[in-house]
Amino acid sequence: MARRNRNKILVPEARNGLDVLKAKVVQAQNPESAKFEAAEEVGVPLKKGYNGQLTSQQAGKVGGRLGGSMVRELVKMAQENMAKKR
């Protein structure tokens, strides 16, 4: 069975907005440093460049911290938007 990339952004124009959201949820100064700040928060030794020494669990902690926080923020934004329309 072929694997497909589920991390592909369906609307490429949304990339900048998603990067800004990523920085916002970890209170980072810029989107490029967001994953490094998230890694520091969960105690994962992430560095620029190759990170092949990380375990799947460590990588999941960083991705889960970012992804989970982004989803929570998007749900909150949607709820606020729906409340305004009522």
C-alpha atoms as a PDB file:
ATOM      1  CA  MET A   1       0.000   0.000   0.000  1.00  0.00           C
ATOM      2  CA  ALA A   2       1.390   3.372  -0.992  1.00  0.00           C
ATOM      3  CA  ARG A   3       1.890   5.959   1.714  1.00  0.00           C
ATOM      4  CA  ARG A   4       0.610   9.421   1.150  1.00  0.00           C
ATOM      5  CA  ASN A   5       1.797  12.639   2.703  1.00  0.00           C
ATOM      6  CA  ARG A   6      -0.936  13.866   5.020  1.00  0.00           C
ATOM      7  CA  ASN A   7       0.993  16.981   5.970  1.00  0.00           C
ATOM      8  CA  LYS A   8       0.512  18.640   2.606  1.00  0.00           C
ATOM      9  CA  ILE A   9      -1.207  22.008   2.802  1.00  0.00           C
ATOM     10  CA  LEU A  10      -4.291  21.864   0.607  1.00  0.00           C
ATOM     11  CA  VAL A  11      -4.288  25.632   0.037  1.00  0.00           C
ATOM     12  CA  PRO A  12      -0.675  26.705  -0.598  1.00  0.00           C
ATOM     13  CA  GLU A  13      -1.622  30.356  -0.114  1.00  0.00           C
ATOM     14  CA  ALA A  14      -2.365  29.534   3.541  1.00  0.00           C
ATOM     15  CA  ARG A  15       1.305  28.761   4.322  1.00  0.00           C
ATOM     16  CA  ASN A  16       2.076  32.243   5.703  1.00  0.00           C
ATOM     17  CA  GLY A  17      -1.021  32.256   7.893  1.00  0.00           C
ATOM     18  CA  LEU A  18      -0.211  28.813   9.281  1.00  0.00           C
ATOM     19  CA  ASP A  19       3.362  29.877  10.021  1.00  0.00           C
ATOM     20  CA  VAL A  20       2.092  32.928  11.920  1.00  0.00           C
ATOM     21  CA  LEU A  21      -0.333  30.713  13.875  1.00  0.00           C
ATOM     22  CA  LYS A  22       2.479  28.283  14.705  1.00  0.00           C
ATOM     23  CA  ALA A  23       4.556  31.117  16.151  1.00  0.00           C
ATOM     24  CA  LYS A  24       1.544  32.452  18.057  1.00  0.00           C
ATOM     25  CA  VAL A  25       0.703  29.175  19.824  1.00  0.00           C
ATOM     26  CA  VAL A  26       4.222  28.752  21.193  1.00  0.00           C
ATOM     27  CA  GLN A  27       4.699  32.471  21.801  1.00  0.00           C
ATOM     28  CA  ALA A  28       7.704  32.530  19.478  1.00  0.00           C
ATOM     29  CA  GLN A  29       9.137  35.657  17.933  1.00  0.00           C
ATOM     30  CA  ASN A  30       9.114  34.185  14.436  1.00  0.00           C
ATOM     31  CA  PRO A  31       7.751  31.033  12.760  1.00  0.00           C
ATOM     32  CA  GLU A  32      11.224  29.628  12.043  1.00  0.00           C
ATOM     33  CA  SER A  33      12.072  29.404  15.741  1.00  0.00           C
ATOM     34  CA  ALA A  34       8.660  28.020  16.810  1.00  0.00           C
ATOM     35  CA  LYS A  35       9.598  24.346  16.588  1.00  0.00           C
ATOM     36  CA  PHE A  36      12.839  24.935  18.485  1.00  0.00           C
ATOM     37  CA  GLU A  37      11.000  26.732  21.278  1.00  0.00           C
ATOM     38  CA  ALA A  38       8.376  23.961  21.385  1.00  0.00           C
ATOM     39  CA  ALA A  39      11.156  21.361  21.559  1.00  0.00           C
ATOM     40  CA  GLU A  40      12.808  23.233  24.410  1.00  0.00           C
ATOM     41  CA  GLU A  41       9.495  23.343  26.317  1.00  0.00           C
ATOM     42  CA  VAL A  42       9.102  19.555  26.159  1.00  0.00           C
ATOM     43  CA  GLY A  43      12.797  18.830  26.764  1.00  0.00           C
ATOM     44  CA  VAL A  44      13.753  17.538  23.310  1.00  0.00           C
ATOM     45  CA  PRO A  45      17.299  18.321  22.070  1.00  0.00           C
ATOM     46  CA  LEU A  46      16.267  19.621  18.631  1.00  0.00           C
ATOM     47  CA  LYS A  47      18.928  21.450  16.668  1.00  0.00           C
ATOM     48  CA  LYS A  48      19.157  23.034  13.243  1.00  0.00           C
ATOM     49  CA  GLY A  49      20.079  20.610  10.497  1.00  0.00           C
ATOM     50  CA  TYR A  50      20.013  16.843  10.813  1.00  0.00           C
ATOM     51  CA  ASN A  51      18.148  15.391  13.815  1.00  0.00           C
ATOM     52  CA  GLY A  52      18.406  11.683  13.054  1.00  0.00           C
ATOM     53  CA  GLN A  53      19.388  10.929  16.650  1.00  0.00           C
ATOM     54  CA  LEU A  54      15.882  11.799  17.888  1.00  0.00           C
ATOM     55  CA  THR A  55      13.579   8.953  18.771  1.00  0.00           C
ATOM     56  CA  SER A  56      10.084   8.763  17.334  1.00  0.00           C
ATOM     57  CA  GLN A  57       8.750   9.607  20.772  1.00  0.00           C
ATOM     58  CA  GLN A  58      10.838  12.775  20.964  1.00  0.00           C
ATOM     59  CA  ALA A  59       9.836  13.897  17.474  1.00  0.00           C
ATOM     60  CA  GLY A  60       6.203  13.190  18.330  1.00  0.00           C
ATOM     61  CA  LYS A  61       6.414  15.367  21.422  1.00  0.00           C
ATOM     62  CA  VAL A  62       7.475  18.349  19.333  1.00  0.00           C
ATOM     63  CA  GLY A  63       4.980  17.714  16.547  1.00  0.00           C
ATOM     64  CA  GLY A  64       2.197  17.006  19.011  1.00  0.00           C
ATOM     65  CA  ARG A  65       2.916  20.185  20.948  1.00  0.00           C
ATOM     66  CA  LEU A  66       2.757  22.282  17.795  1.00  0.00           C
ATOM     67  CA  GLY A  67      -0.045  20.469  16.008  1.00  0.00           C
ATOM     68  CA  GLY A  68      -2.264  20.056  19.039  1.00  0.00           C
ATOM     69  CA  SER A  69      -1.900  23.684  20.032  1.00  0.00           C
ATOM     70  CA  MET A  70      -2.597  24.844  16.491  1.00  0.00           C
ATOM     71  CA  VAL A  71      -5.764  22.738  16.267  1.00  0.00           C
ATOM     72  CA  ARG A  72      -6.994  24.039  19.631  1.00  0.00           C
ATOM     73  CA  GLU A  73      -6.378  27.618  18.509  1.00  0.00           C
ATOM     74  CA  LEU A  74      -8.145  27.059  15.172  1.00  0.00           C
ATOM     75  CA  VAL A  75     -11.176  25.552  16.941  1.00  0.00           C
ATOM     76  CA  LYS A  76     -11.262  28.502  19.341  1.00  0.00           C
ATOM     77  CA  MET A  77     -11.097  30.936  16.418  1.00  0.00           C
ATOM     78  CA  ALA A  78     -13.909  29.110  14.610  1.00  0.00           C
ATOM     79  CA  GLN A  79     -16.100  29.135  17.721  1.00  0.00           C
ATOM     80  CA  GLU A  80     -15.529  32.870  18.181  1.00  0.00           C
ATOM     81  CA  ASN A  81     -16.315  33.477  14.515  1.00  0.00           C
ATOM     82  CA  MET A  82     -19.547  31.464  14.765  1.00  0.00           C
ATOM     83  CA  ALA A  83     -20.571  33.344  17.913  1.00  0.00           C
ATOM     84  CA  LYS A  84     -20.084  36.681  16.141  1.00  0.00           C
ATOM     85  CA  LYS A  85     -22.341  35.582  13.269  1.00  0.00           C
ATOM     86  CA  ARG A  86     -25.251  34.783  15.612  1.00  0.00           C
END
